């Protein structure tokens, strides 16, 4: 396995473990119910999905306007 690939995998695994530790800390230290964390996670995914959709729409509009303006 290439060195860059190992570094990438190590970074990915350490990042996932750090996020799991944060969730565990929230549940254990602050008594946040896991259902609430799942709800916040799903809300975050929804917002990210809407942002991606809005960006795709803006890019399509930008490309469409550029094609209309260069058409003679």
C-alpha atoms as a PDB file:
ATOM      1  CA  UNK A   1       0.000   0.000   0.000  1.00  0.00           C
ATOM      2  CA  UNK A   2       1.340   3.423  -0.920  1.00  0.00           C
ATOM      3  CA  UNK A   3       2.403   5.795   1.808  1.00  0.00           C
ATOM      4  CA  UNK A   4      -0.140   8.442   0.810  1.00  0.00           C
ATOM      5  CA  UNK A   5      -2.917   5.849   0.934  1.00  0.00           C
ATOM      6  CA  UNK A   6      -1.889   4.768   4.443  1.00  0.00           C
ATOM      7  CA  UNK A   7      -1.827   8.381   5.627  1.00  0.00           C
ATOM      8  CA  UNK A   8      -5.268   8.966   4.137  1.00  0.00           C
ATOM      9  CA  UNK A   9      -6.720   5.882   5.824  1.00  0.00           C
ATOM     10  CA  UNK A  10      -5.074   6.748   9.150  1.00  0.00           C
ATOM     11  CA  UNK A  11      -6.490  10.269   9.023  1.00  0.00           C
ATOM     12  CA  UNK A  12      -9.942   8.960   8.115  1.00  0.00           C
ATOM     13  CA  UNK A  13      -9.967   6.414  10.934  1.00  0.00           C
ATOM     14  CA  UNK A  14      -8.675   8.888  13.515  1.00  0.00           C
ATOM     15  CA  UNK A  15     -11.291  11.428  12.436  1.00  0.00           C
ATOM     16  CA  UNK A  16     -14.099   8.904  12.757  1.00  0.00           C
ATOM     17  CA  UNK A  17     -12.856   7.835  16.185  1.00  0.00           C
ATOM     18  CA  UNK A  18     -12.691  11.466  17.296  1.00  0.00           C
ATOM     19  CA  UNK A  19     -16.280  12.054  16.180  1.00  0.00           C
ATOM     20  CA  UNK A  20     -17.405   8.907  17.987  1.00  0.00           C
ATOM     21  CA  UNK A  21     -15.658  10.157  21.133  1.00  0.00           C
ATOM     22  CA  UNK A  22     -17.494  13.479  20.870  1.00  0.00           C
ATOM     23  CA  UNK A  23     -20.854  11.735  20.552  1.00  0.00           C
ATOM     24  CA  UNK A  24     -20.021   9.426  23.454  1.00  0.00           C
ATOM     25  CA  UNK A  25     -18.998  12.446  25.541  1.00  0.00           C
ATOM     26  CA  UNK A  26     -22.255  14.224  24.743  1.00  0.00           C
ATOM     27  CA  UNK A  27     -24.317  11.204  25.747  1.00  0.00           C
ATOM     28  CA  UNK A  28     -22.275  10.323  28.825  1.00  0.00           C
ATOM     29  CA  UNK A  29     -21.327  13.717  30.258  1.00  0.00           C
ATOM     30  CA  UNK A  30     -24.307  15.856  29.318  1.00  0.00           C
ATOM     31  CA  UNK A  31     -27.046  13.188  29.372  1.00  0.00           C
ATOM     32  CA  UNK A  32     -28.192  13.941  25.849  1.00  0.00           C
ATOM     33  CA  UNK A  33     -30.470  11.111  24.684  1.00  0.00           C
ATOM     34  CA  UNK A  34     -29.170   9.176  21.653  1.00  0.00           C
ATOM     35  CA  UNK A  35     -32.490   9.801  19.892  1.00  0.00           C
ATOM     36  CA  UNK A  36     -31.812  13.530  20.058  1.00  0.00           C
ATOM     37  CA  UNK A  37     -28.343  13.037  18.577  1.00  0.00           C
ATOM     38  CA  UNK A  38     -29.816  10.961  15.726  1.00  0.00           C
ATOM     39  CA  UNK A  39     -32.402  13.673  15.101  1.00  0.00           C
ATOM     40  CA  UNK A  40     -29.683  16.330  14.944  1.00  0.00           C
ATOM     41  CA  UNK A  41     -27.610  14.117  12.640  1.00  0.00           C
ATOM     42  CA  UNK A  42     -30.534  13.632  10.263  1.00  0.00           C
ATOM     43  CA  UNK A  43     -31.284  17.362  10.346  1.00  0.00           C
ATOM     44  CA  UNK A  44     -27.647  18.077   9.480  1.00  0.00           C
ATOM     45  CA  UNK A  45     -27.805  15.657   6.551  1.00  0.00           C
ATOM     46  CA  UNK A  46     -30.994  17.370   5.371  1.00  0.00           C
ATOM     47  CA  UNK A  47     -29.418  20.817   5.504  1.00  0.00           C
ATOM     48  CA  UNK A  48     -26.300  19.619   3.669  1.00  0.00           C
ATOM     49  CA  UNK A  49     -28.502  18.001   1.028  1.00  0.00           C
ATOM     50  CA  UNK A  50     -30.454  21.223   0.563  1.00  0.00           C
ATOM     51  CA  UNK A  51     -27.220  23.204   0.255  1.00  0.00           C
ATOM     52  CA  UNK A  52     -25.923  20.807  -2.397  1.00  0.00           C
ATOM     53  CA  UNK A  53     -29.214  21.096  -4.259  1.00  0.00           C
ATOM     54  CA  UNK A  54     -29.121  24.897  -4.076  1.00  0.00           C
ATOM     55  CA  UNK A  55     -25.521  24.930  -5.330  1.00  0.00           C
ATOM     56  CA  UNK A  56     -26.424  22.622  -8.234  1.00  0.00           C
ATOM     57  CA  UNK A  57     -29.345  24.872  -9.133  1.00  0.00           C
ATOM     58  CA  UNK A  58     -27.148  27.978  -8.995  1.00  0.00           C
ATOM     59  CA  UNK A  59     -24.498  26.290 -11.170  1.00  0.00           C
ATOM     60  CA  UNK A  60     -27.123  25.209 -13.705  1.00  0.00           C
ATOM     61  CA  UNK A  61     -28.518  28.733 -13.808  1.00  0.00           C
ATOM     62  CA  UNK A  62     -25.025  30.179 -14.206  1.00  0.00           C
ATOM     63  CA  UNK A  63     -24.199  27.801 -17.070  1.00  0.00           C
ATOM     64  CA  UNK A  64     -27.552  28.452 -18.731  1.00  0.00           C
ATOM     65  CA  UNK A  65     -27.121  32.217 -18.552  1.00  0.00           C
ATOM     66  CA  UNK A  66     -23.593  31.974 -19.914  1.00  0.00           C
ATOM     67  CA  UNK A  67     -24.780  29.892 -22.866  1.00  0.00           C
ATOM     68  CA  UNK A  68     -27.605  32.341 -23.561  1.00  0.00           C
ATOM     69  CA  UNK A  69     -25.271  35.334 -23.428  1.00  0.00           C
ATOM     70  CA  UNK A  70     -22.686  33.830 -25.808  1.00  0.00           C
ATOM     71  CA  UNK A  71     -25.290  32.669 -28.326  1.00  0.00           C
ATOM     72  CA  UNK A  72     -25.454  34.961 -31.371  1.00  0.00           C
END
